[in-house]
Amino acid sequence: MQIESKKVQVQKSAEDLCSYLSDVKNFEQLMPENISKFEVISDNTFVFALKGMPEIGLKVKEVSSPNKVVLGAISDKIPFQLTGNIEDNGVNSSEAELVFNGEFNPMMAMMIKGPITKFLETLVNNMEQL
């Protein structure tokens, strides 16, 4: 299952945005208001939970500066990746989108598609405000 967010304009250079997304502490600023937990576990790993949802752990898996940051689930129970694609738009401006990729059975995919889509939109909307 693949879900793509809308593309947003961010008032940071591609390199600065890539660096920002590579630092897991910064994801706390991008999270929705209904977050019930955010904890940095290591330099490249964090755990978060939204109210009414299970905890999700993410780890920075790949950084291809300045165009891509890939986060992956730290648990094999729900394997997925969250990729930030970044395009340079000139001085202090870039365009970004988030892409969610996961392997789910059809029933699970149907249940989580809506919440994940809404979650991605919140992340990119908050990214746009940076």
N, C-alpha and C. Protein backbone atom coordinates (compact mmCIF):
# COMPACT_ATOMS: atom_id res chain seq x y z
N MET A 1 0.85 -1.17 0.00
CA MET A 1 0.00 0.00 0.00
C MET A 1 0.90 1.23 0.00
N GLN A 2 0.60 2.16 -0.88
CA GLN A 2 1.36 3.40 -0.95
C GLN A 2 0.40 4.58 -0.85
N ILE A 3 0.75 5.54 0.01
CA ILE A 3 -0.03 6.76 0.17
C ILE A 3 0.93 7.93 0.04
N GLU A 4 0.58 8.87 -0.83
CA GLU A 4 1.41 10.05 -1.04
C GLU A 4 0.69 11.28 -0.51
N SER A 5 1.42 12.12 0.19
CA SER A 5 0.85 13.39 0.66
C SER A 5 0.87 14.37 -0.50
N LYS A 6 0.23 15.50 -0.28
CA LYS A 6 0.35 16.60 -1.25
C LYS A 6 1.76 17.15 -1.15
N LYS A 7 2.19 17.87 -2.18
CA LYS A 7 3.49 18.54 -2.15
C LYS A 7 3.28 19.93 -1.54
N VAL A 8 4.20 20.30 -0.65
CA VAL A 8 4.11 21.60 0.00
C VAL A 8 5.39 22.39 -0.20
N GLN A 9 5.25 23.72 -0.18
CA GLN A 9 6.38 24.62 -0.27
C GLN A 9 6.89 24.88 1.15
N VAL A 10 8.18 24.73 1.35
CA VAL A 10 8.79 24.94 2.67
C VAL A 10 9.85 26.03 2.52
N GLN A 11 9.83 26.98 3.45
CA GLN A 11 10.77 28.09 3.40
C GLN A 11 12.12 27.71 4.02
N LYS A 12 12.67 26.62 3.53
CA LYS A 12 14.00 26.16 3.89
C LYS A 12 14.63 25.62 2.62
N SER A 13 15.95 25.71 2.52
CA SER A 13 16.62 25.10 1.37
C SER A 13 16.45 23.59 1.47
N ALA A 14 16.61 22.90 0.36
CA ALA A 14 16.49 21.44 0.35
C ALA A 14 17.46 20.81 1.34
N GLU A 15 18.67 21.35 1.39
CA GLU A 15 19.67 20.82 2.31
C GLU A 15 19.26 21.03 3.77
N ASP A 16 18.75 22.21 4.09
CA ASP A 16 18.30 22.49 5.46
C ASP A 16 17.11 21.62 5.85
N LEU A 17 16.17 21.43 4.93
CA LEU A 17 15.00 20.61 5.21
C LEU A 17 15.40 19.14 5.38
N CYS A 18 16.31 18.67 4.55
CA CYS A 18 16.80 17.30 4.67
C CYS A 18 17.47 17.10 6.03
N SER A 19 18.27 18.05 6.43
CA SER A 19 18.93 18.00 7.73
C SER A 19 17.90 18.02 8.86
N TYR A 20 16.88 18.85 8.71
CA TYR A 20 15.81 18.96 9.71
C TYR A 20 15.09 17.62 9.87
N LEU A 21 14.74 16.99 8.75
CA LEU A 21 14.01 15.71 8.80
C LEU A 21 14.90 14.55 9.24
N SER A 22 16.19 14.71 9.12
CA SER A 22 17.14 13.67 9.55
C SER A 22 17.32 13.65 11.06
N ASP A 23 16.94 14.74 11.72
CA ASP A 23 17.06 14.84 13.18
C ASP A 23 15.71 14.47 13.79
N VAL A 24 15.65 13.29 14.38
CA VAL A 24 14.35 12.76 14.86
C VAL A 24 13.69 13.65 15.91
N LYS A 25 14.46 14.44 16.65
CA LYS A 25 13.87 15.34 17.66
C LYS A 25 12.89 16.32 17.01
N ASN A 26 13.14 16.69 15.77
CA ASN A 26 12.31 17.69 15.09
C ASN A 26 10.92 17.17 14.74
N PHE A 27 10.72 15.87 14.72
CA PHE A 27 9.41 15.34 14.36
C PHE A 27 8.34 15.69 15.39
N GLU A 28 8.77 15.99 16.62
CA GLU A 28 7.79 16.38 17.63
C GLU A 28 7.03 17.63 17.19
N GLN A 29 7.73 18.57 16.52
CA GLN A 29 7.10 19.80 16.03
C GLN A 29 6.10 19.53 14.90
N LEU A 30 6.29 18.43 14.18
CA LEU A 30 5.44 18.14 13.03
C LEU A 30 4.20 17.31 13.39
N MET A 31 4.21 16.74 14.59
CA MET A 31 3.14 15.82 14.99
C MET A 31 1.80 16.53 15.15
N PRO A 32 0.71 15.75 15.00
CA PRO A 32 -0.64 16.30 15.22
C PRO A 32 -0.84 16.71 16.68
N GLU A 33 -1.87 17.51 16.92
CA GLU A 33 -2.16 17.97 18.27
C GLU A 33 -2.58 16.83 19.20
N ASN A 34 -3.14 15.75 18.63
CA ASN A 34 -3.65 14.66 19.47
C ASN A 34 -2.58 13.63 19.81
N ILE A 35 -1.33 14.07 19.85
CA ILE A 35 -0.24 13.16 20.21
C ILE A 35 -0.28 12.93 21.73
N SER A 36 -0.14 11.68 22.12
CA SER A 36 -0.16 11.37 23.55
C SER A 36 1.23 10.99 24.07
N LYS A 37 2.18 10.72 23.14
CA LYS A 37 3.53 10.38 23.56
C LYS A 37 4.50 10.71 22.43
N PHE A 38 5.65 11.23 22.80
CA PHE A 38 6.76 11.42 21.87
C PHE A 38 8.04 11.26 22.68
N GLU A 39 8.84 10.29 22.30
CA GLU A 39 10.07 10.01 23.04
C GLU A 39 11.20 9.67 22.08
N VAL A 40 12.31 10.41 22.20
CA VAL A 40 13.49 10.11 21.42
C VAL A 40 14.25 9.00 22.14
N ILE A 41 14.50 7.89 21.41
CA ILE A 41 15.17 6.73 22.01
C ILE A 41 16.67 6.79 21.76
N SER A 42 17.06 7.24 20.58
CA SER A 42 18.47 7.38 20.24
C SER A 42 18.62 8.50 19.22
N ASP A 43 19.82 8.71 18.72
CA ASP A 43 20.05 9.78 17.74
C ASP A 43 19.21 9.63 16.49
N ASN A 44 18.82 8.40 16.15
CA ASN A 44 18.08 8.20 14.90
C ASN A 44 16.77 7.44 15.09
N THR A 45 16.27 7.35 16.33
CA THR A 45 15.06 6.58 16.60
C THR A 45 14.14 7.33 17.57
N PHE A 46 12.83 7.28 17.28
CA PHE A 46 11.85 7.85 18.21
C PHE A 46 10.59 7.01 18.22
N VAL A 47 9.82 7.18 19.28
CA VAL A 47 8.54 6.50 19.45
C VAL A 47 7.48 7.56 19.67
N PHE A 48 6.32 7.37 19.04
CA PHE A 48 5.22 8.29 19.29
C PHE A 48 3.92 7.51 19.34
N ALA A 49 2.92 8.13 19.92
CA ALA A 49 1.58 7.55 19.97
C ALA A 49 0.57 8.68 19.84
N LEU A 50 -0.46 8.40 19.08
CA LEU A 50 -1.59 9.31 18.98
C LEU A 50 -2.69 8.75 19.87
N LYS A 51 -3.54 9.61 20.40
CA LYS A 51 -4.60 9.15 21.30
C LYS A 51 -5.42 8.07 20.60
N GLY A 52 -5.60 6.95 21.30
CA GLY A 52 -6.41 5.86 20.78
C GLY A 52 -5.70 4.94 19.80
N MET A 53 -4.42 5.17 19.57
CA MET A 53 -3.66 4.35 18.62
C MET A 53 -2.46 3.73 19.35
N PRO A 54 -1.95 2.61 18.82
CA PRO A 54 -0.77 2.00 19.45
C PRO A 54 0.49 2.84 19.20
N GLU A 55 1.51 2.60 20.02
CA GLU A 55 2.79 3.29 19.84
C GLU A 55 3.45 2.84 18.55
N ILE A 56 4.10 3.77 17.89
CA ILE A 56 4.82 3.49 16.65
C ILE A 56 6.25 3.97 16.81
N GLY A 57 7.20 3.12 16.50
CA GLY A 57 8.60 3.49 16.57
C GLY A 57 9.16 3.65 15.17
N LEU A 58 9.88 4.74 14.95
CA LEU A 58 10.50 5.01 13.65
C LEU A 58 11.99 5.24 13.81
N LYS A 59 12.73 4.79 12.81
CA LYS A 59 14.18 4.93 12.80
C LYS A 59 14.61 5.49 11.44
N VAL A 60 15.57 6.42 11.46
CA VAL A 60 16.11 6.94 10.21
C VAL A 60 16.90 5.80 9.55
N LYS A 61 16.47 5.38 8.35
CA LYS A 61 17.10 4.26 7.66
C LYS A 61 18.07 4.73 6.57
N GLU A 62 17.74 5.88 5.96
CA GLU A 62 18.55 6.36 4.84
C GLU A 62 18.42 7.87 4.72
N VAL A 63 19.53 8.53 4.45
CA VAL A 63 19.52 9.96 4.16
C VAL A 63 20.33 10.16 2.90
N SER A 64 19.67 10.66 1.85
CA SER A 64 20.35 11.00 0.60
C SER A 64 20.24 12.51 0.45
N SER A 65 21.13 13.21 1.12
CA SER A 65 21.07 14.67 1.14
C SER A 65 21.37 15.24 -0.24
N PRO A 66 20.60 16.21 -0.67
CA PRO A 66 19.56 16.95 0.02
C PRO A 66 18.14 16.53 -0.39
N ASN A 67 17.96 15.37 -1.00
CA ASN A 67 16.68 15.06 -1.63
C ASN A 67 15.80 14.01 -0.97
N LYS A 68 16.31 13.28 0.01
CA LYS A 68 15.51 12.18 0.51
C LYS A 68 15.90 11.77 1.93
N VAL A 69 14.87 11.52 2.75
CA VAL A 69 15.05 10.97 4.09
C VAL A 69 14.05 9.82 4.21
N VAL A 70 14.55 8.64 4.60
CA VAL A 70 13.68 7.46 4.73
C VAL A 70 13.67 7.02 6.19
N LEU A 71 12.46 6.96 6.74
CA LEU A 71 12.26 6.44 8.09
C LEU A 71 11.57 5.09 7.95
N GLY A 72 11.93 4.15 8.81
CA GLY A 72 11.31 2.84 8.77
C GLY A 72 10.84 2.44 10.16
N ALA A 73 9.85 1.55 10.18
CA ALA A 73 9.34 1.04 11.45
C ALA A 73 10.44 0.25 12.15
N ILE A 74 10.52 0.39 13.48
CA ILE A 74 11.53 -0.38 14.20
C ILE A 74 10.99 -1.76 14.56
N SER A 75 9.70 -1.98 14.37
CA SER A 75 9.10 -3.28 14.63
C SER A 75 8.80 -4.00 13.31
N ASP A 76 9.06 -5.29 13.28
CA ASP A 76 8.75 -6.07 12.07
C ASP A 76 7.28 -6.46 12.01
N LYS A 77 6.53 -6.22 13.09
CA LYS A 77 5.11 -6.59 13.12
C LYS A 77 4.32 -5.80 12.08
N ILE A 78 4.66 -4.53 11.95
CA ILE A 78 3.98 -3.67 10.96
C ILE A 78 5.07 -3.01 10.13
N PRO A 79 5.55 -3.72 9.10
CA PRO A 79 6.65 -3.16 8.31
C PRO A 79 6.18 -2.04 7.37
N PHE A 80 6.80 -0.88 7.52
CA PHE A 80 6.48 0.22 6.61
C PHE A 80 7.64 1.21 6.58
N GLN A 81 7.61 2.06 5.57
CA GLN A 81 8.59 3.14 5.44
C GLN A 81 7.86 4.45 5.21
N LEU A 82 8.45 5.51 5.71
CA LEU A 82 7.96 6.86 5.48
C LEU A 82 9.11 7.63 4.83
N THR A 83 8.90 8.05 3.60
CA THR A 83 9.95 8.71 2.83
C THR A 83 9.60 10.18 2.62
N GLY A 84 10.55 11.04 2.94
CA GLY A 84 10.40 12.46 2.65
C GLY A 84 11.18 12.77 1.38
N ASN A 85 10.46 13.17 0.34
CA ASN A 85 11.09 13.56 -0.92
C ASN A 85 11.16 15.08 -0.98
N ILE A 86 12.34 15.59 -1.27
CA ILE A 86 12.58 17.03 -1.23
C ILE A 86 13.17 17.49 -2.56
N GLU A 87 12.61 18.59 -3.09
CA GLU A 87 13.14 19.19 -4.31
C GLU A 87 13.55 20.62 -4.01
N ASP A 88 14.71 21.00 -4.51
CA ASP A 88 15.21 22.36 -4.32
C ASP A 88 14.44 23.31 -5.22
N ASN A 89 14.00 24.44 -4.64
CA ASN A 89 13.29 25.47 -5.42
C ASN A 89 14.05 26.79 -5.43
N GLY A 90 15.33 26.74 -5.15
CA GLY A 90 16.11 27.98 -5.12
C GLY A 90 16.53 28.30 -3.71
N VAL A 91 16.96 29.52 -3.50
CA VAL A 91 17.49 29.94 -2.21
C VAL A 91 16.40 29.90 -1.14
N ASN A 92 16.66 29.18 -0.07
CA ASN A 92 15.75 29.07 1.08
C ASN A 92 14.32 28.67 0.71
N SER A 93 14.18 27.82 -0.27
CA SER A 93 12.86 27.33 -0.63
C SER A 93 12.99 25.92 -1.21
N SER A 94 12.07 25.07 -0.81
CA SER A 94 12.05 23.71 -1.34
C SER A 94 10.61 23.20 -1.37
N GLU A 95 10.43 22.10 -2.07
CA GLU A 95 9.12 21.45 -2.16
C GLU A 95 9.29 20.06 -1.57
N ALA A 96 8.33 19.66 -0.74
CA ALA A 96 8.46 18.37 -0.07
C ALA A 96 7.14 17.60 -0.11
N GLU A 97 7.28 16.29 -0.12
CA GLU A 97 6.12 15.42 0.02
C GLU A 97 6.54 14.22 0.86
N LEU A 98 5.57 13.59 1.51
CA LEU A 98 5.82 12.37 2.26
C LEU A 98 5.12 11.21 1.58
N VAL A 99 5.81 10.08 1.53
CA VAL A 99 5.26 8.87 0.91
C VAL A 99 5.32 7.74 1.92
N PHE A 100 4.17 7.14 2.18
CA PHE A 100 4.07 6.00 3.09
C PHE A 100 4.00 4.73 2.26
N ASN A 101 4.84 3.75 2.56
CA ASN A 101 4.81 2.44 1.90
C ASN A 101 4.75 1.37 2.97
N GLY A 102 3.78 0.47 2.86
CA GLY A 102 3.67 -0.61 3.83
C GLY A 102 3.06 -1.85 3.21
N GLU A 103 3.40 -2.97 3.80
CA GLU A 103 2.86 -4.27 3.37
C GLU A 103 1.77 -4.69 4.35
N PHE A 104 0.52 -4.60 3.92
CA PHE A 104 -0.59 -4.93 4.79
C PHE A 104 -1.58 -5.82 4.05
N ASN A 105 -2.29 -6.66 4.81
CA ASN A 105 -3.35 -7.43 4.18
C ASN A 105 -4.49 -6.46 3.83
N PRO A 106 -5.37 -6.84 2.92
CA PRO A 106 -6.41 -5.91 2.45
C PRO A 106 -7.29 -5.35 3.56
N MET A 107 -7.61 -6.16 4.57
CA MET A 107 -8.47 -5.70 5.66
C MET A 107 -7.75 -4.61 6.48
N MET A 108 -6.49 -4.87 6.82
CA MET A 108 -5.70 -3.90 7.58
C MET A 108 -5.52 -2.62 6.76
N ALA A 109 -5.22 -2.76 5.48
CA ALA A 109 -5.02 -1.60 4.61
C ALA A 109 -6.26 -0.72 4.59
N MET A 110 -7.43 -1.35 4.52
CA MET A 110 -8.68 -0.60 4.48
C MET A 110 -8.89 0.18 5.80
N MET A 111 -8.51 -0.45 6.92
CA MET A 111 -8.71 0.17 8.23
C MET A 111 -7.76 1.34 8.46
N ILE A 112 -6.53 1.26 7.96
CA ILE A 112 -5.53 2.27 8.30
C ILE A 112 -5.33 3.35 7.23
N LYS A 113 -5.89 3.15 6.06
CA LYS A 113 -5.67 4.11 4.98
C LYS A 113 -6.12 5.53 5.36
N GLY A 114 -7.30 5.67 5.90
CA GLY A 114 -7.82 6.99 6.28
C GLY A 114 -6.97 7.67 7.34
N PRO A 115 -6.72 6.99 8.48
CA PRO A 115 -5.90 7.62 9.52
C PRO A 115 -4.48 7.96 9.05
N ILE A 116 -3.87 7.11 8.24
CA ILE A 116 -2.51 7.40 7.77
C ILE A 116 -2.51 8.58 6.81
N THR A 117 -3.50 8.63 5.94
CA THR A 117 -3.62 9.76 5.00
C THR A 117 -3.75 11.07 5.78
N LYS A 118 -4.59 11.07 6.80
CA LYS A 118 -4.79 12.27 7.62
C LYS A 118 -3.50 12.63 8.36
N PHE A 119 -2.80 11.63 8.87
CA PHE A 119 -1.55 11.83 9.58
C PHE A 119 -0.49 12.46 8.66
N LEU A 120 -0.36 11.93 7.44
CA LEU A 120 0.61 12.49 6.48
C LEU A 120 0.27 13.95 6.15
N GLU A 121 -1.02 14.23 5.96
CA GLU A 121 -1.42 15.59 5.64
C GLU A 121 -1.08 16.55 6.78
N THR A 122 -1.26 16.10 8.02
CA THR A 122 -0.90 16.93 9.17
C THR A 122 0.60 17.19 9.20
N LEU A 123 1.40 16.15 8.96
CA LEU A 123 2.86 16.32 8.96
C LEU A 123 3.29 17.33 7.90
N VAL A 124 2.79 17.19 6.67
CA VAL A 124 3.23 18.13 5.62
C VAL A 124 2.67 19.53 5.84
N ASN A 125 1.46 19.64 6.37
CA ASN A 125 0.93 20.97 6.67
C ASN A 125 1.79 21.67 7.73
N ASN A 126 2.23 20.91 8.73
CA ASN A 126 3.10 21.49 9.75
C ASN A 126 4.49 21.79 9.19
N MET A 127 4.93 20.97 8.25
CA MET A 127 6.22 21.21 7.59
C MET A 127 6.17 22.50 6.79
N GLU A 128 5.03 22.76 6.19
CA GLU A 128 4.85 23.96 5.38
C GLU A 128 4.98 25.23 6.23
N GLN A 129 4.69 25.11 7.53
CA GLN A 129 4.75 26.26 8.44
C GLN A 129 6.15 26.55 8.97
N LEU A 130 7.11 25.69 8.67
CA LEU A 130 8.48 25.87 9.19
C LEU A 130 9.11 27.15 8.68
